[in-house]
Amino acid sequence: MMTQVQIYQNECLHFLTNFLHKESIPFIYIDPPFNTGRTQKRARNELGYDDSYEDFIGFLRPRLEQARRVLTPDGSLFFHIDYRESHYCKVLLDEIFGRDCFMNEIIWAYDYGGRSKKKWSQKHNTLFWYVKDPKNYTFNFDEMERIPYMAPGLVGKEKAARGKTPTTVWWHTIVPTNGKEKTGYPTQKPLGLLKRILKVHTNPGDKVLDFFAGSGTTGDAAVSLGRQAILVDNNPQAIEVMEKRLGVCPYLRGE
């Protein structure tokens, strides 16, 4: 069995094309740059990266084509994006995977930060779930975490105690600013979000690939659930964060 977590500093398209075999990965989660048009950085001395692309869809297309190539026949892809590019990305994913392989659009909603006085405040991200084969994929319903009923008095004590399964709208806090989970990486996603996904869409021992690995949340979640993780990022700062967070020395493979 491979080491539980492997970290690679590499350009993701080069890595996908040259280091991963066809149909070798059962699950992929990616949280790519969102093309916000600015440098992603929360504070003057914090880690960051440029998040501006002249042709964002052109950047994504070959990487998503390779992602589909390396997925196993029963594999799934979770694609994490925000409101700026989500509609264009959905069309692209439909082209690459096929509209019949689109399973869900999940909305991650959070309630933190400032409020706009000129428009409705943006407080959500979108996750698209696609499969290689809509008749053959992993979905462990019994592993789904249950959440409290909003009106427990309407369902009875037994149901209220058990809780309900989530729908396609997930309320989950962002990474707390001063919390233990915080790494300093500006677009870090919460561990609880990745655990919810991996519990349902993977099995113990499965390989999980994240080729925009950033702060390493996917790897952290995978380890905690007994999965294996392959984490790829071309940003040296991201590699340093993941190495410190996961206690794993990276494999450095340049082009």
C-alpha atoms as a PDB file:
ATOM      1  CA  MET A   1       0.000   0.000   0.000  1.00  0.00           C
ATOM      2  CA  MET A   2       1.184   3.520  -0.783  1.00  0.00           C
ATOM      3  CA  THR A   3       2.066   6.002   1.965  1.00  0.00           C
ATOM      4  CA  GLN A   4      -1.177   7.409   3.376  1.00  0.00           C
ATOM      5  CA  VAL A   5      -0.402  10.915   2.077  1.00  0.00           C
ATOM      6  CA  GLN A   6       1.847  11.891  -0.808  1.00  0.00           C
ATOM      7  CA  ILE A   7       2.565  15.561  -1.540  1.00  0.00           C
ATOM      8  CA  TYR A   8       3.916  16.698  -4.905  1.00  0.00           C
ATOM      9  CA  GLN A   9       5.132  20.135  -5.896  1.00  0.00           C
ATOM     10  CA  ASN A  10       4.275  20.154  -9.569  1.00  0.00           C
ATOM     11  CA  GLU A  11       2.191  21.896 -12.184  1.00  0.00           C
ATOM     12  CA  CYS A  12      -1.034  19.900 -12.057  1.00  0.00           C
ATOM     13  CA  LEU A  13      -1.533  19.350 -15.794  1.00  0.00           C
ATOM     14  CA  HIS A  14       2.012  18.039 -16.107  1.00  0.00           C
ATOM     15  CA  PHE A  15       1.472  15.766 -13.113  1.00  0.00           C
ATOM     16  CA  LEU A  16      -1.870  14.435 -14.325  1.00  0.00           C
ATOM     17  CA  THR A  17      -0.517  13.741 -17.786  1.00  0.00           C
ATOM     18  CA  ASN A  18       2.777  12.156 -16.818  1.00  0.00           C
ATOM     19  CA  PHE A  19       2.434  10.562 -13.384  1.00  0.00           C
ATOM     20  CA  LEU A  20      -1.067   9.128 -13.108  1.00  0.00           C
ATOM     21  CA  HIS A  21      -2.343   6.079 -14.976  1.00  0.00           C
ATOM     22  CA  LYS A  22      -5.681   5.894 -16.701  1.00  0.00           C
ATOM     23  CA  GLU A  23      -8.558   4.866 -14.384  1.00  0.00           C
ATOM     24  CA  SER A  24      -6.360   4.783 -11.273  1.00  0.00           C
ATOM     25  CA  ILE A  25      -8.127   7.237  -8.908  1.00  0.00           C
ATOM     26  CA  PRO A  26     -11.597   6.582  -7.460  1.00  0.00           C
ATOM     27  CA  PHE A  27     -12.228  10.094  -6.137  1.00  0.00           C
ATOM     28  CA  ILE A  28     -11.085  13.626  -7.004  1.00  0.00           C
ATOM     29  CA  TYR A  29     -11.865  16.806  -5.109  1.00  0.00           C
ATOM     30  CA  ILE A  30     -10.539  20.091  -6.463  1.00  0.00           C
ATOM     31  CA  ASP A  31     -10.852  23.638  -5.222  1.00  0.00           C
ATOM     32  CA  PRO A  32      -9.167  25.519  -8.084  1.00  0.00           C
ATOM     33  CA  PRO A  33      -8.476  29.250  -8.222  1.00  0.00           C
ATOM     34  CA  PHE A  34     -11.772  31.135  -8.594  1.00  0.00           C
ATOM     35  CA  ASN A  35     -10.517  33.760 -11.072  1.00  0.00           C
ATOM     36  CA  THR A  36     -11.392  36.613  -8.740  1.00  0.00           C
ATOM     37  CA  GLY A  37      -9.127  38.967 -10.649  1.00  0.00           C
ATOM     38  CA  ARG A  38      -6.965  39.767  -7.639  1.00  0.00           C
ATOM     39  CA  THR A  39      -4.244  38.326  -5.441  1.00  0.00           C
ATOM     40  CA  GLN A  40      -5.689  36.047  -2.777  1.00  0.00           C
ATOM     41  CA  LYS A  41      -4.257  37.319   0.468  1.00  0.00           C
ATOM     42  CA  ARG A  42      -5.965  38.081   3.775  1.00  0.00           C
ATOM     43  CA  ALA A  43      -3.236  40.140   5.448  1.00  0.00           C
ATOM     44  CA  ARG A  44       0.019  41.877   4.556  1.00  0.00           C
ATOM     45  CA  ASN A  45       2.284  39.088   5.774  1.00  0.00           C
ATOM     46  CA  GLU A  46      -0.020  36.180   4.981  1.00  0.00           C
ATOM     47  CA  LEU A  47       0.481  33.573   2.289  1.00  0.00           C
ATOM     48  CA  GLY A  48      -1.098  34.251  -1.081  1.00  0.00           C
ATOM     49  CA  TYR A  49      -1.298  33.619  -4.810  1.00  0.00           C
ATOM     50  CA  ASP A  50      -2.354  35.388  -8.006  1.00  0.00           C
ATOM     51  CA  ASP A  51      -5.955  34.597  -8.927  1.00  0.00           C
ATOM     52  CA  SER A  52      -6.415  36.212 -12.321  1.00  0.00           C
ATOM     53  CA  TYR A  53      -6.717  34.424 -15.691  1.00  0.00           C
ATOM     54  CA  GLU A  54      -7.205  35.739 -19.206  1.00  0.00           C
ATOM     55  CA  ASP A  55      -8.829  32.447 -20.240  1.00  0.00           C
ATOM     56  CA  PHE A  56     -10.006  30.655 -17.121  1.00  0.00           C
ATOM     57  CA  ILE A  57     -12.059  28.014 -18.931  1.00  0.00           C
ATOM     58  CA  GLY A  58      -9.156  27.371 -21.297  1.00  0.00           C
ATOM     59  CA  PHE A  59      -6.966  26.828 -18.238  1.00  0.00           C
ATOM     60  CA  LEU A  60      -9.414  24.380 -16.671  1.00  0.00           C
ATOM     61  CA  ARG A  61     -10.374  22.353 -19.730  1.00  0.00           C
ATOM     62  CA  PRO A  62      -7.246  20.171 -20.198  1.00  0.00           C
ATOM     63  CA  ARG A  63      -6.963  19.603 -16.454  1.00  0.00           C
ATOM     64  CA  LEU A  64     -10.559  18.419 -16.208  1.00  0.00           C
ATOM     65  CA  GLU A  65     -10.097  16.224 -19.278  1.00  0.00           C
ATOM     66  CA  GLN A  66      -7.158  14.591 -17.547  1.00  0.00           C
ATOM     67  CA  ALA A  67      -9.160  14.298 -14.338  1.00  0.00           C
ATOM     68  CA  ARG A  68     -11.798  12.288 -16.176  1.00  0.00           C
ATOM     69  CA  ARG A  69      -9.090  10.105 -17.731  1.00  0.00           C
ATOM     70  CA  VAL A  70      -7.595   9.115 -14.383  1.00  0.00           C
ATOM     71  CA  LEU A  71     -10.925   8.425 -12.644  1.00  0.00           C
ATOM     72  CA  THR A  72     -11.825   4.775 -12.159  1.00  0.00           C
ATOM     73  CA  PRO A  73     -15.001   3.526 -13.890  1.00  0.00           C
ATOM     74  CA  ASP A  74     -16.915   4.045 -10.633  1.00  0.00           C
ATOM     75  CA  GLY A  75     -15.131   7.318  -9.803  1.00  0.00           C
ATOM     76  CA  SER A  76     -16.472  10.724  -8.787  1.00  0.00           C
ATOM     77  CA  LEU A  77     -15.288  14.311  -9.138  1.00  0.00           C
ATOM     78  CA  PHE A  78     -16.193  17.142  -6.772  1.00  0.00           C
ATOM     79  CA  PHE A  79     -15.491  20.567  -8.280  1.00  0.00           C
ATOM     80  CA  HIS A  80     -15.537  23.552  -5.880  1.00  0.00           C
ATOM     81  CA  ILE A  81     -16.079  27.072  -7.269  1.00  0.00           C
ATOM     82  CA  ASP A  82     -17.902  30.323  -6.469  1.00  0.00           C
ATOM     83  CA  TYR A  83     -20.529  32.492  -8.170  1.00  0.00           C
ATOM     84  CA  ARG A  84     -18.175  34.272 -10.590  1.00  0.00           C
ATOM     85  CA  GLU A  85     -17.434  31.278 -12.821  1.00  0.00           C
ATOM     86  CA  SER A  86     -19.815  28.531 -11.672  1.00  0.00           C
ATOM     87  CA  HIS A  87     -22.161  28.744 -14.661  1.00  0.00           C
ATOM     88  CA  TYR A  88     -19.333  28.559 -17.197  1.00  0.00           C
ATOM     89  CA  CYS A  89     -17.709  25.690 -15.292  1.00  0.00           C
ATOM     90  CA  LYS A  90     -20.971  23.736 -15.263  1.00  0.00           C
ATOM     91  CA  VAL A  91     -21.166  23.945 -19.060  1.00  0.00           C
ATOM     92  CA  LEU A  92     -17.529  22.851 -19.346  1.00  0.00           C
ATOM     93  CA  LEU A  93     -18.054  19.898 -17.001  1.00  0.00           C
ATOM     94  CA  ASP A  94     -21.132  18.856 -18.979  1.00  0.00           C
ATOM     95  CA  GLU A  95     -19.029  18.854 -22.154  1.00  0.00           C
ATOM     96  CA  ILE A  96     -16.259  16.745 -20.631  1.00  0.00           C
ATOM     97  CA  PHE A  97     -18.228  14.301 -18.484  1.00  0.00           C
ATOM     98  CA  GLY A  98     -21.624  14.380 -20.188  1.00  0.00           C
ATOM     99  CA  ARG A  99     -24.815  15.899 -18.804  1.00  0.00           C
ATOM    100  CA  ASP A 100     -26.052  12.469 -17.730  1.00  0.00           C
ATOM    101  CA  CYS A 101     -23.016  12.208 -15.428  1.00  0.00           C
ATOM    102  CA  PHE A 102     -23.962  15.318 -13.477  1.00  0.00           C
ATOM    103  CA  MET A 103     -25.333  14.195 -10.112  1.00  0.00           C
ATOM    104  CA  ASN A 104     -25.725  17.234  -7.844  1.00  0.00           C
ATOM    105  CA  GLU A 105     -25.091  20.915  -7.402  1.00  0.00           C
ATOM    106  CA  ILE A 106     -24.373  21.445  -3.721  1.00  0.00           C
ATOM    107  CA  ILE A 107     -24.464  24.887  -2.146  1.00  0.00           C
ATOM    108  CA  TRP A 108     -22.121  25.481   0.757  1.00  0.00           C
ATOM    109  CA  ALA A 109     -23.582  28.426   2.670  1.00  0.00           C
ATOM    110  CA  TYR A 110     -21.821  30.232   5.491  1.00  0.00           C
ATOM    111  CA  ASP A 111     -22.585  33.293   7.578  1.00  0.00           C
ATOM    112  CA  TYR A 112     -19.444  35.253   8.344  1.00  0.00           C
ATOM    113  CA  GLY A 113     -17.854  38.556   7.373  1.00  0.00           C
ATOM    114  CA  GLY A 114     -19.117  41.901   6.147  1.00  0.00           C
ATOM    115  CA  ARG A 115     -22.426  42.733   4.498  1.00  0.00           C
ATOM    116  CA  SER A 116     -22.906  44.689   1.287  1.00  0.00           C
ATOM    117  CA  LYS A 117     -25.203  47.708   1.287  1.00  0.00           C
ATOM    118  CA  LYS A 118     -25.480  47.724  -2.521  1.00  0.00           C
ATOM    119  CA  LYS A 119     -26.540  44.121  -3.282  1.00  0.00           C
ATOM    120  CA  TRP A 120     -27.364  40.780  -1.647  1.00  0.00           C
ATOM    121  CA  SER A 121     -24.209  39.643   0.151  1.00  0.00           C
ATOM    122  CA  GLN A 122     -22.447  36.640  -1.398  1.00  0.00           C
ATOM    123  CA  LYS A 123     -22.149  33.957   1.286  1.00  0.00           C
ATOM    124  CA  HIS A 124     -21.944  30.668  -0.583  1.00  0.00           C
ATOM    125  CA  ASN A 125     -19.801  28.452  -2.799  1.00  0.00           C
ATOM    126  CA  THR A 126     -20.914  25.806  -5.290  1.00  0.00           C
ATOM    127  CA  LEU A 127     -19.779  22.172  -5.482  1.00  0.00           C
ATOM    128  CA  PHE A 128     -20.560  20.188  -8.639  1.00  0.00           C
ATOM    129  CA  TRP A 129     -20.610  16.409  -8.328  1.00  0.00           C
ATOM    130  CA  TYR A 130     -19.939  14.405 -11.495  1.00  0.00           C
ATOM    131  CA  VAL A 131     -19.433  10.659 -11.958  1.00  0.00           C
ATOM    132  CA  LYS A 132     -17.740   8.598 -14.620  1.00  0.00           C
ATOM    133  CA  ASP A 133     -20.756   6.289 -14.869  1.00  0.00           C
ATOM    134  CA  PRO A 134     -24.203   7.338 -13.538  1.00  0.00           C
ATOM    135  CA  LYS A 135     -25.050   3.662 -12.942  1.00  0.00           C
ATOM    136  CA  ASN A 136     -21.888   2.815 -11.013  1.00  0.00           C
ATOM    137  CA  TYR A 137     -20.520   5.064  -8.277  1.00  0.00           C
ATOM    138  CA  THR A 138     -19.850   5.180  -4.533  1.00  0.00           C
ATOM    139  CA  PHE A 139     -22.520   6.708  -2.307  1.00  0.00           C
ATOM    140  CA  ASN A 140     -22.498   5.488   1.290  1.00  0.00           C
ATOM    141  CA  PHE A 141     -25.829   6.800   2.540  1.00  0.00           C
ATOM    142  CA  ASP A 142     -25.412   5.290   5.995  1.00  0.00           C
ATOM    143  CA  GLU A 143     -22.162   7.238   6.469  1.00  0.00           C
ATOM    144  CA  MET A 144     -23.940  10.548   5.957  1.00  0.00           C
ATOM    145  CA  GLU A 145     -23.744  12.724   9.056  1.00  0.00           C
ATOM    146  CA  ARG A 146     -27.119  13.792  10.374  1.00  0.00           C
ATOM    147  CA  ILE A 147     -28.053  17.350  11.229  1.00  0.00           C
ATOM    148  CA  PRO A 148     -30.681  18.764  13.626  1.00  0.00           C
ATOM    149  CA  TYR A 149     -34.244  19.361  12.455  1.00  0.00           C
ATOM    150  CA  MET A 150     -35.131  23.046  12.273  1.00  0.00           C
ATOM    151  CA  ALA A 151     -38.510  22.273  13.833  1.00  0.00           C
ATOM    152  CA  PRO A 152     -37.903  19.146  15.972  1.00  0.00           C
ATOM    153  CA  GLY A 153     -41.314  19.440  17.593  1.00  0.00           C
ATOM    154  CA  LEU A 154     -42.979  18.552  14.293  1.00  0.00           C
ATOM    155  CA  VAL A 155     -41.280  15.174  13.825  1.00  0.00           C
ATOM    156  CA  GLY A 156     -41.413  13.497  17.236  1.00  0.00           C
ATOM    157  CA  LYS A 157     -38.735  12.721  19.798  1.00  0.00           C
ATOM    158  CA  GLU A 158     -37.228   9.688  18.043  1.00  0.00           C
ATOM    159  CA  LYS A 159     -36.707  11.425  14.709  1.00  0.00           C
ATOM    160  CA  ALA A 160     -35.544  14.602  16.407  1.00  0.00           C
ATOM    161  CA  ALA A 161     -32.915  12.669  18.378  1.00  0.00           C
ATOM    162  CA  ARG A 162     -31.676  10.913  15.232  1.00  0.00           C
ATOM    163  CA  GLY A 163     -31.577  14.077  13.142  1.00  0.00           C
ATOM    164  CA  LYS A 164     -32.060  14.356   9.401  1.00  0.00           C
ATOM    165  CA  THR A 165     -29.796  13.816   6.424  1.00  0.00           C
ATOM    166  CA  PRO A 166     -28.504  16.943   4.653  1.00  0.00           C
ATOM    167  CA  THR A 167     -29.935  18.121   1.337  1.00  0.00           C
ATOM    168  CA  THR A 168     -27.993  19.971  -1.366  1.00  0.00           C
ATOM    169  CA  VAL A 169     -27.702  23.089   0.788  1.00  0.00           C
ATOM    170  CA  TRP A 170     -25.027  22.760   3.462  1.00  0.00           C
ATOM    171  CA  TRP A 171     -24.681  25.280   6.261  1.00  0.00           C
ATOM    172  CA  HIS A 172     -21.150  25.081   7.598  1.00  0.00           C
ATOM    173  CA  THR A 173     -18.908  27.712   9.122  1.00  0.00           C
ATOM    174  CA  ILE A 174     -15.717  28.839   7.412  1.00  0.00           C
ATOM    175  CA  VAL A 175     -12.368  28.124   9.075  1.00  0.00           C
ATOM    176  CA  PRO A 176     -12.376  30.231  12.254  1.00  0.00           C
ATOM    177  CA  THR A 177      -9.895  33.100  12.066  1.00  0.00           C
ATOM    178  CA  ASN A 178      -8.222  32.209  15.367  1.00  0.00           C
ATOM    179  CA  GLY A 179      -9.091  28.505  15.405  1.00  0.00           C
ATOM    180  CA  LYS A 180      -6.630  25.611  15.710  1.00  0.00           C
ATOM    181  CA  GLU A 181      -7.507  24.539  12.179  1.00  0.00           C
ATOM    182  CA  LYS A 182      -6.243  27.790  10.627  1.00  0.00           C
ATOM    183  CA  THR A 183      -3.032  27.417   8.596  1.00  0.00           C
ATOM    184  CA  GLY A 184      -2.654  30.949   7.232  1.00  0.00           C
ATOM    185  CA  TYR A 185      -3.471  29.865   3.682  1.00  0.00           C
ATOM    186  CA  PRO A 186      -5.987  32.434   2.352  1.00  0.00           C
ATOM    187  CA  THR A 187      -8.541  30.123   0.691  1.00  0.00           C
ATOM    188  CA  GLN A 188      -8.417  27.254   3.183  1.00  0.00           C
ATOM    189  CA  LYS A 189     -11.635  25.208   3.276  1.00  0.00           C
ATOM    190  CA  PRO A 190     -13.038  23.756   6.527  1.00  0.00           C
ATOM    191  CA  LEU A 191     -12.106  20.225   7.500  1.00  0.00           C
ATOM    192  CA  GLY A 192     -15.716  19.365   8.323  1.00  0.00           C
ATOM    193  CA  LEU A 193     -16.782  20.059   4.749  1.00  0.00           C
ATOM    194  CA  LEU A 194     -14.245  17.611   3.300  1.00  0.00           C
ATOM    195  CA  LYS A 195     -15.000  14.962   5.897  1.00  0.00           C
ATOM    196  CA  ARG A 196     -18.687  15.076   4.998  1.00  0.00           C
ATOM    197  CA  ILE A 197     -17.840  14.525   1.340  1.00  0.00           C
ATOM    198  CA  LEU A 198     -15.263  11.774   1.821  1.00  0.00           C
ATOM    199  CA  LYS A 199     -17.371   9.761   4.278  1.00  0.00           C
ATOM    200  CA  VAL A 200     -20.123   9.370   1.684  1.00  0.00           C
ATOM    201  CA  HIS A 201     -18.239   9.272  -1.612  1.00  0.00           C
ATOM    202  CA  THR A 202     -15.213   7.115  -0.732  1.00  0.00           C
ATOM    203  CA  ASN A 203     -14.465   3.857   1.056  1.00  0.00           C
ATOM    204  CA  PRO A 204     -11.712   3.150   3.615  1.00  0.00           C
ATOM    205  CA  GLY A 205      -8.379   2.744   1.849  1.00  0.00           C
ATOM    206  CA  ASP A 206      -9.468   4.604  -1.297  1.00  0.00           C
ATOM    207  CA  LYS A 207      -7.096   6.981  -3.043  1.00  0.00           C
ATOM    208  CA  VAL A 208      -8.233  10.599  -3.019  1.00  0.00           C
ATOM    209  CA  LEU A 209      -6.662  13.099  -5.422  1.00  0.00           C
ATOM    210  CA  ASP A 210      -6.564  16.877  -5.004  1.00  0.00           C
ATOM    211  CA  PHE A 211      -4.452  18.629  -7.638  1.00  0.00           C
ATOM    212  CA  PHE A 212      -5.155  22.155  -6.365  1.00  0.00           C
ATOM    213  CA  ALA A 213      -4.287  21.053  -2.846  1.00  0.00           C
ATOM    214  CA  GLY A 214      -3.584  24.461  -1.265  1.00  0.00           C
ATOM    215  CA  SER A 215      -3.623  24.129   2.517  1.00  0.00           C
ATOM    216  CA  GLY A 216      -3.987  20.323   2.443  1.00  0.00           C
ATOM    217  CA  THR A 217      -7.486  20.052   3.905  1.00  0.00           C
ATOM    218  CA  THR A 218      -8.315  17.144   1.585  1.00  0.00           C
ATOM    219  CA  GLY A 219      -5.308  15.216   2.859  1.00  0.00           C
ATOM    220  CA  ASP A 220      -6.124  15.994   6.476  1.00  0.00           C
ATOM    221  CA  ALA A 221      -9.687  14.728   6.027  1.00  0.00           C
ATOM    222  CA  ALA A 222      -8.512  11.631   4.151  1.00  0.00           C
ATOM    223  CA  VAL A 223      -6.032  10.645   6.868  1.00  0.00           C
ATOM    224  CA  SER A 224      -8.610  11.074   9.620  1.00  0.00           C
ATOM    225  CA  LEU A 225     -10.992   8.747   7.766  1.00  0.00           C
ATOM    226  CA  GLY A 226      -8.492   6.040   6.793  1.00  0.00           C
ATOM    227  CA  ARG A 227      -8.185   7.044   3.156  1.00  0.00           C
ATOM    228  CA  GLN A 228      -5.054   7.665   1.086  1.00  0.00           C
ATOM    229  CA  ALA A 229      -4.352  11.064  -0.461  1.00  0.00           C
ATOM    230  CA  ILE A 230      -2.335  12.399  -3.378  1.00  0.00           C
ATOM    231  CA  LEU A 231      -1.904  16.167  -3.015  1.00  0.00           C
ATOM    232  CA  VAL A 232      -0.499  18.308  -5.820  1.00  0.00           C
ATOM    233  CA  ASP A 233       0.241  22.032  -5.880  1.00  0.00           C
ATOM    234  CA  ASN A 234       2.723  24.206  -7.745  1.00  0.00           C
ATOM    235  CA  ASN A 235       2.873  26.925  -5.090  1.00  0.00           C
ATOM    236  CA  PRO A 236       5.912  26.493  -2.787  1.00  0.00           C
ATOM    237  CA  GLN A 237       4.011  28.222   0.022  1.00  0.00           C
ATOM    238  CA  ALA A 238       1.214  25.657  -0.233  1.00  0.00           C
ATOM    239  CA  ILE A 239       3.762  22.843  -0.108  1.00  0.00           C
ATOM    240  CA  GLU A 240       5.267  24.295   3.080  1.00  0.00           C
ATOM    241  CA  VAL A 241       1.825  24.578   4.697  1.00  0.00           C
ATOM    242  CA  MET A 242       0.926  20.984   3.814  1.00  0.00           C
ATOM    243  CA  GLU A 243       4.279  19.633   4.967  1.00  0.00           C
ATOM    244  CA  LYS A 244       3.844  21.322   8.352  1.00  0.00           C
ATOM    245  CA  ARG A 245       0.178  20.408   8.680  1.00  0.00           C
ATOM    246  CA  LEU A 246       0.463  16.762   7.692  1.00  0.00           C
ATOM    247  CA  GLY A 247       4.024  15.977   8.769  1.00  0.00           C
ATOM    248  CA  VAL A 248       4.880  14.638   5.317  1.00  0.00           C
ATOM    249  CA  CYS A 249       7.941  15.506   3.242  1.00  0.00           C
ATOM    250  CA  PRO A 250       6.954  16.464  -0.307  1.00  0.00           C
ATOM    251  CA  TYR A 251       8.081  14.767  -3.484  1.00  0.00           C
ATOM    252  CA  LEU A 252       9.567  17.541  -5.617  1.00  0.00           C
ATOM    253  CA  ARG A 253       9.048  16.896  -9.297  1.00  0.00           C
ATOM    254  CA  GLY A 254       9.619  19.788 -11.646  1.00  0.00           C
ATOM    255  CA  GLU A 255       8.757  19.856 -15.314  1.00  0.00           C
END
